């Protein structure tokens, strides 16, 4: 059995926040089940690592929880968050405090190729 779950969020459309909920909830549940879990924001989703971006994304108009609230909930469950370095070139370096590390493409490849890591991509 794998030791770690890596969730790579890259291709979601941030204009459709409902696409962000499944990977964040899966990460939260896996961490609550005491699995080692990392969520990596890359590509278009890299902007979610920037202060002020995830806070303004609500699943529905009248929802009380923002995507940022779901990120914080996942973090409290033990999820480790990372952002791909190129995202900083597009959206700046003012990242949310929940981001533990910035990583490059080699990190993603190494993790995905490791037999002890299960990788989900969105």
N, C-alpha and C. Protein backbone atom coordinates (compact mmCIF):
# COMPACT_ATOMS: atom_id res chain seq x y z
N UNK A 1 0.84 -1.18 0.00
CA UNK A 1 0.00 0.00 0.00
C UNK A 1 0.89 1.24 0.00
N UNK A 2 0.40 2.27 -0.65
CA UNK A 2 1.13 3.54 -0.71
C UNK A 2 1.16 4.21 0.66
N UNK A 3 2.20 5.02 0.87
CA UNK A 3 2.36 5.74 2.13
C UNK A 3 1.85 7.17 2.07
N UNK A 4 1.65 7.66 0.85
CA UNK A 4 1.38 9.08 0.70
C UNK A 4 0.43 9.32 -0.46
N UNK A 5 -0.41 10.35 -0.30
CA UNK A 5 -1.30 10.81 -1.36
C UNK A 5 -0.85 12.19 -1.79
N UNK A 6 -0.56 12.34 -3.07
CA UNK A 6 -0.22 13.64 -3.65
C UNK A 6 -1.37 14.05 -4.55
N UNK A 7 -1.96 15.18 -4.26
CA UNK A 7 -3.04 15.71 -5.09
C UNK A 7 -2.49 16.94 -5.81
N UNK A 8 -2.44 16.84 -7.13
CA UNK A 8 -1.94 17.93 -7.96
C UNK A 8 -3.15 18.65 -8.55
N UNK A 9 -3.30 19.91 -8.18
CA UNK A 9 -4.41 20.71 -8.71
C UNK A 9 -3.82 21.67 -9.73
N UNK A 10 -4.13 21.41 -11.00
CA UNK A 10 -3.52 22.20 -12.08
C UNK A 10 -4.55 22.70 -13.09
N UNK A 11 -5.47 21.85 -13.47
CA UNK A 11 -6.34 22.14 -14.61
C UNK A 11 -7.74 22.58 -14.25
N UNK A 12 -7.99 22.85 -13.00
CA UNK A 12 -9.32 23.30 -12.61
C UNK A 12 -9.54 24.73 -13.09
N UNK A 13 -10.79 25.04 -13.33
CA UNK A 13 -11.16 26.39 -13.75
C UNK A 13 -11.57 27.17 -12.50
N UNK A 14 -10.75 28.12 -12.10
CA UNK A 14 -11.04 28.87 -10.88
C UNK A 14 -12.29 29.73 -11.02
N UNK A 15 -12.78 29.90 -12.24
CA UNK A 15 -14.04 30.61 -12.44
C UNK A 15 -15.22 29.71 -12.08
N UNK A 16 -14.94 28.43 -11.88
CA UNK A 16 -15.96 27.46 -11.47
C UNK A 16 -15.50 26.81 -10.17
N UNK A 17 -15.67 27.50 -9.04
CA UNK A 17 -15.12 27.05 -7.76
C UNK A 17 -15.57 25.65 -7.33
N UNK A 18 -16.71 25.19 -7.81
CA UNK A 18 -17.17 23.85 -7.44
C UNK A 18 -16.18 22.78 -7.88
N UNK A 19 -15.36 23.06 -8.88
CA UNK A 19 -14.35 22.11 -9.33
C UNK A 19 -13.23 21.94 -8.30
N UNK A 20 -13.10 22.89 -7.40
CA UNK A 20 -12.03 22.84 -6.40
C UNK A 20 -12.41 22.04 -5.16
N UNK A 21 -13.67 21.87 -4.94
CA UNK A 21 -14.10 21.21 -3.71
C UNK A 21 -13.71 19.73 -3.64
N UNK A 22 -13.91 18.92 -4.67
CA UNK A 22 -13.55 17.49 -4.54
C UNK A 22 -12.10 17.24 -4.14
N UNK A 23 -11.11 17.85 -4.79
CA UNK A 23 -9.74 17.55 -4.36
C UNK A 23 -9.44 18.02 -2.94
N UNK A 24 -10.01 19.14 -2.53
CA UNK A 24 -9.77 19.63 -1.17
C UNK A 24 -10.45 18.74 -0.13
N UNK A 25 -11.66 18.29 -0.43
CA UNK A 25 -12.34 17.39 0.50
C UNK A 25 -11.65 16.03 0.57
N UNK A 26 -11.20 15.51 -0.58
CA UNK A 26 -10.49 14.23 -0.57
C UNK A 26 -9.20 14.34 0.24
N UNK A 27 -8.50 15.45 0.09
CA UNK A 27 -7.28 15.66 0.87
C UNK A 27 -7.59 15.70 2.36
N UNK A 28 -8.63 16.40 2.73
CA UNK A 28 -9.02 16.52 4.13
C UNK A 28 -9.40 15.17 4.72
N UNK A 29 -10.18 14.41 3.99
CA UNK A 29 -10.60 13.09 4.46
C UNK A 29 -9.40 12.16 4.60
N UNK A 30 -8.52 12.15 3.60
CA UNK A 30 -7.34 11.28 3.66
C UNK A 30 -6.45 11.64 4.85
N UNK A 31 -6.28 12.94 5.10
CA UNK A 31 -5.47 13.36 6.25
C UNK A 31 -6.15 12.96 7.56
N UNK A 32 -7.46 13.09 7.61
CA UNK A 32 -8.20 12.68 8.81
C UNK A 32 -8.09 11.17 9.04
N UNK A 33 -7.87 10.42 7.96
CA UNK A 33 -7.68 8.98 8.06
C UNK A 33 -6.22 8.64 8.36
N UNK A 34 -5.44 9.68 8.64
CA UNK A 34 -4.04 9.60 9.04
C UNK A 34 -3.09 9.18 7.92
N UNK A 35 -3.48 9.47 6.67
CA UNK A 35 -2.54 9.31 5.57
C UNK A 35 -1.71 10.57 5.45
N UNK A 36 -0.51 10.44 4.94
CA UNK A 36 0.31 11.61 4.61
C UNK A 36 -0.24 12.18 3.31
N UNK A 37 -0.58 13.46 3.33
CA UNK A 37 -1.24 14.08 2.17
C UNK A 37 -0.57 15.40 1.83
N UNK A 38 -0.29 15.57 0.55
CA UNK A 38 0.20 16.85 0.03
C UNK A 38 -0.74 17.31 -1.08
N UNK A 39 -1.02 18.59 -1.09
CA UNK A 39 -1.74 19.22 -2.20
C UNK A 39 -0.78 20.19 -2.84
N UNK A 40 -0.65 20.06 -4.14
CA UNK A 40 0.26 20.91 -4.90
C UNK A 40 -0.55 21.74 -5.88
N UNK A 41 -0.45 23.06 -5.75
CA UNK A 41 -1.08 23.98 -6.70
C UNK A 41 -0.09 24.29 -7.81
N UNK A 42 -0.50 24.08 -9.05
CA UNK A 42 0.35 24.39 -10.19
C UNK A 42 -0.53 24.85 -11.34
N UNK A 43 0.08 25.33 -12.39
CA UNK A 43 -0.70 25.82 -13.53
C UNK A 43 -1.65 26.93 -13.11
N UNK A 44 -2.82 26.95 -13.72
CA UNK A 44 -3.83 27.96 -13.42
C UNK A 44 -4.20 27.97 -11.93
N UNK A 45 -4.20 26.80 -11.31
CA UNK A 45 -4.57 26.70 -9.89
C UNK A 45 -3.53 27.33 -8.98
N UNK A 46 -2.36 27.66 -9.49
CA UNK A 46 -1.34 28.31 -8.68
C UNK A 46 -1.81 29.61 -8.05
N UNK A 47 -2.77 30.25 -8.68
CA UNK A 47 -3.26 31.52 -8.12
C UNK A 47 -3.98 31.31 -6.79
N UNK A 48 -4.43 30.08 -6.50
CA UNK A 48 -5.08 29.81 -5.22
C UNK A 48 -4.13 29.94 -4.04
N UNK A 49 -2.85 29.88 -4.32
CA UNK A 49 -1.84 30.02 -3.27
C UNK A 49 -1.58 31.48 -2.93
N UNK A 50 -2.14 32.39 -3.69
CA UNK A 50 -1.89 33.81 -3.49
C UNK A 50 -2.92 34.42 -2.54
N UNK A 51 -2.46 35.26 -1.64
CA UNK A 51 -3.36 35.91 -0.69
C UNK A 51 -4.47 36.63 -1.43
N UNK A 52 -5.69 36.46 -0.94
CA UNK A 52 -6.85 37.15 -1.48
C UNK A 52 -7.57 36.42 -2.59
N UNK A 53 -6.95 35.43 -3.21
CA UNK A 53 -7.58 34.74 -4.33
C UNK A 53 -8.61 33.71 -3.88
N UNK A 54 -8.21 32.76 -3.06
CA UNK A 54 -9.12 31.70 -2.61
C UNK A 54 -10.22 32.26 -1.71
N UNK A 55 -9.94 33.37 -1.02
CA UNK A 55 -10.94 33.97 -0.13
C UNK A 55 -12.16 34.46 -0.89
N UNK A 56 -11.98 34.88 -2.12
CA UNK A 56 -13.10 35.45 -2.87
C UNK A 56 -13.88 34.41 -3.68
N UNK A 57 -13.45 33.15 -3.61
CA UNK A 57 -14.13 32.09 -4.35
C UNK A 57 -15.10 31.35 -3.44
N UNK A 58 -16.37 31.45 -3.76
CA UNK A 58 -17.42 30.77 -3.01
C UNK A 58 -18.02 29.69 -3.90
N UNK A 59 -18.39 28.57 -3.31
CA UNK A 59 -18.98 27.48 -4.10
C UNK A 59 -20.31 27.89 -4.70
N UNK A 60 -21.10 28.59 -3.92
CA UNK A 60 -22.37 29.13 -4.37
C UNK A 60 -22.49 30.55 -3.86
N UNK A 61 -23.37 31.28 -4.47
CA UNK A 61 -23.52 32.70 -4.12
C UNK A 61 -23.79 32.92 -2.64
N UNK A 62 -24.63 32.10 -2.05
CA UNK A 62 -25.03 32.30 -0.65
C UNK A 62 -24.23 31.41 0.32
N UNK A 63 -23.15 30.83 -0.14
CA UNK A 63 -22.34 29.96 0.71
C UNK A 63 -21.60 30.78 1.76
N UNK A 64 -21.40 30.18 2.92
CA UNK A 64 -20.69 30.87 3.99
C UNK A 64 -19.21 30.53 4.02
N UNK A 65 -18.81 29.45 3.32
CA UNK A 65 -17.42 29.03 3.32
C UNK A 65 -16.78 29.29 1.96
N UNK A 66 -15.64 29.94 2.00
CA UNK A 66 -14.89 30.18 0.76
C UNK A 66 -13.98 29.00 0.50
N UNK A 67 -13.37 28.97 -0.67
CA UNK A 67 -12.38 27.95 -0.98
C UNK A 67 -11.22 28.06 0.02
N UNK A 68 -10.89 29.26 0.41
CA UNK A 68 -9.83 29.44 1.40
C UNK A 68 -10.20 28.77 2.73
N UNK A 69 -11.47 28.83 3.12
CA UNK A 69 -11.91 28.14 4.34
C UNK A 69 -11.69 26.63 4.21
N UNK A 70 -11.92 26.10 3.02
CA UNK A 70 -11.69 24.66 2.79
C UNK A 70 -10.19 24.34 2.83
N UNK A 71 -9.36 25.25 2.34
CA UNK A 71 -7.90 25.07 2.42
C UNK A 71 -7.47 25.04 3.89
N UNK A 72 -7.99 25.98 4.68
CA UNK A 72 -7.63 26.02 6.10
C UNK A 72 -8.10 24.77 6.83
N UNK A 73 -9.28 24.28 6.48
CA UNK A 73 -9.81 23.06 7.09
C UNK A 73 -8.92 21.87 6.76
N UNK A 74 -8.48 21.78 5.52
CA UNK A 74 -7.58 20.69 5.11
C UNK A 74 -6.27 20.79 5.87
N UNK A 75 -5.77 21.99 6.00
CA UNK A 75 -4.51 22.22 6.73
C UNK A 75 -4.64 21.76 8.18
N UNK A 76 -5.76 22.09 8.82
CA UNK A 76 -6.00 21.69 10.20
C UNK A 76 -6.05 20.16 10.34
N UNK A 77 -6.47 19.48 9.26
CA UNK A 77 -6.53 18.01 9.27
C UNK A 77 -5.16 17.39 9.06
N UNK A 78 -4.19 18.22 8.64
CA UNK A 78 -2.83 17.71 8.46
C UNK A 78 -2.30 17.74 7.04
N UNK A 79 -3.07 18.29 6.13
CA UNK A 79 -2.63 18.37 4.73
C UNK A 79 -1.49 19.38 4.61
N UNK A 80 -0.48 19.01 3.84
CA UNK A 80 0.65 19.89 3.54
C UNK A 80 0.39 20.50 2.16
N UNK A 81 0.52 21.82 2.06
CA UNK A 81 0.28 22.51 0.80
C UNK A 81 1.58 23.02 0.21
N UNK A 82 1.69 22.86 -1.11
CA UNK A 82 2.86 23.35 -1.84
C UNK A 82 2.39 24.06 -3.10
N UNK A 83 3.23 24.93 -3.62
CA UNK A 83 2.92 25.62 -4.87
C UNK A 83 4.12 25.48 -5.79
N UNK A 84 3.83 25.32 -7.06
CA UNK A 84 4.89 25.18 -8.06
C UNK A 84 5.53 26.56 -8.31
N UNK A 85 6.83 26.60 -8.33
CA UNK A 85 7.58 27.85 -8.47
C UNK A 85 7.14 28.73 -9.64
N UNK A 86 6.88 28.19 -10.83
CA UNK A 86 6.46 29.05 -11.94
C UNK A 86 5.19 29.86 -11.66
N UNK A 87 4.33 29.35 -10.76
CA UNK A 87 3.11 30.10 -10.43
C UNK A 87 3.45 31.46 -9.83
N UNK A 88 4.57 31.53 -9.12
CA UNK A 88 4.97 32.80 -8.50
C UNK A 88 5.30 33.85 -9.56
N UNK A 89 5.76 33.41 -10.71
CA UNK A 89 6.06 34.34 -11.80
C UNK A 89 4.80 34.96 -12.38
N UNK A 90 3.70 34.19 -12.35
CA UNK A 90 2.44 34.68 -12.91
C UNK A 90 1.66 35.54 -11.92
N UNK A 91 1.63 35.13 -10.65
CA UNK A 91 0.74 35.78 -9.69
C UNK A 91 1.44 36.46 -8.53
N UNK A 92 2.74 36.48 -8.51
CA UNK A 92 3.46 37.16 -7.44
C UNK A 92 3.87 36.23 -6.33
N UNK A 93 4.46 36.78 -5.31
CA UNK A 93 5.01 35.96 -4.24
C UNK A 93 4.31 36.18 -2.90
N UNK A 94 3.15 36.79 -2.93
CA UNK A 94 2.39 37.04 -1.72
C UNK A 94 1.50 35.83 -1.43
N UNK A 95 2.11 34.75 -0.93
CA UNK A 95 1.38 33.50 -0.77
C UNK A 95 0.72 33.38 0.60
N UNK A 96 -0.32 32.55 0.63
CA UNK A 96 -1.06 32.32 1.87
C UNK A 96 -0.17 31.58 2.88
N UNK A 97 -0.41 31.75 4.16
CA UNK A 97 0.45 31.12 5.17
C UNK A 97 0.34 29.60 5.19
N UNK A 98 -0.68 29.04 4.57
CA UNK A 98 -0.85 27.57 4.56
C UNK A 98 0.12 26.88 3.60
N UNK A 99 0.79 27.64 2.75
CA UNK A 99 1.75 27.05 1.82
C UNK A 99 3.05 26.75 2.57
N UNK A 100 3.44 25.48 2.56
CA UNK A 100 4.64 25.05 3.28
C UNK A 100 5.91 25.21 2.46
N UNK A 101 5.77 25.12 1.14
CA UNK A 101 6.98 25.09 0.32
C UNK A 101 6.65 25.41 -1.13
N UNK A 102 7.62 25.97 -1.83
CA UNK A 102 7.51 26.10 -3.28
C UNK A 102 8.41 25.03 -3.88
N UNK A 103 7.92 24.39 -4.94
CA UNK A 103 8.65 23.29 -5.57
C UNK A 103 8.63 23.45 -7.08
N UNK A 104 9.55 22.77 -7.73
CA UNK A 104 9.63 22.81 -9.18
C UNK A 104 9.08 21.56 -9.82
N UNK A 105 9.18 21.51 -11.13
CA UNK A 105 8.67 20.38 -11.89
C UNK A 105 9.32 19.06 -11.53
N UNK A 106 10.60 19.08 -11.20
CA UNK A 106 11.30 17.84 -10.84
C UNK A 106 10.68 17.20 -9.60
N UNK A 107 10.21 18.02 -8.68
CA UNK A 107 9.58 17.49 -7.46
C UNK A 107 8.33 16.68 -7.84
N UNK A 108 7.51 17.25 -8.70
CA UNK A 108 6.28 16.57 -9.10
C UNK A 108 6.60 15.23 -9.78
N UNK A 109 7.57 15.24 -10.67
CA UNK A 109 7.95 14.02 -11.38
C UNK A 109 8.47 12.98 -10.39
N UNK A 110 9.35 13.37 -9.50
CA UNK A 110 9.89 12.43 -8.50
C UNK A 110 8.80 11.81 -7.65
N UNK A 111 7.87 12.62 -7.20
CA UNK A 111 6.79 12.11 -6.36
C UNK A 111 5.88 11.18 -7.16
N UNK A 112 5.52 11.58 -8.36
CA UNK A 112 4.61 10.78 -9.18
C UNK A 112 5.22 9.43 -9.57
N UNK A 113 6.52 9.38 -9.69
CA UNK A 113 7.20 8.14 -10.09
C UNK A 113 7.52 7.24 -8.91
N UNK A 114 7.33 7.71 -7.71
CA UNK A 114 7.62 6.95 -6.50
C UNK A 114 6.49 5.95 -6.24
N UNK A 115 6.83 4.68 -6.11
CA UNK A 115 5.83 3.63 -5.91
C UNK A 115 5.06 3.77 -4.59
N UNK A 116 5.61 4.51 -3.64
CA UNK A 116 4.93 4.65 -2.36
C UNK A 116 3.99 5.86 -2.33
N UNK A 117 3.82 6.52 -3.48
CA UNK A 117 2.96 7.70 -3.58
C UNK A 117 1.85 7.45 -4.59
N UNK A 118 0.63 7.72 -4.19
CA UNK A 118 -0.51 7.70 -5.10
C UNK A 118 -0.76 9.15 -5.50
N UNK A 119 -0.88 9.39 -6.80
CA UNK A 119 -1.05 10.76 -7.29
C UNK A 119 -2.42 10.92 -7.96
N UNK A 120 -3.17 11.90 -7.48
CA UNK A 120 -4.43 12.29 -8.11
C UNK A 120 -4.18 13.63 -8.79
N UNK A 121 -4.71 13.83 -9.96
CA UNK A 121 -4.56 15.13 -10.62
C UNK A 121 -5.94 15.69 -10.99
N UNK A 122 -6.03 16.99 -10.86
CA UNK A 122 -7.28 17.70 -11.19
C UNK A 122 -6.93 18.90 -12.02
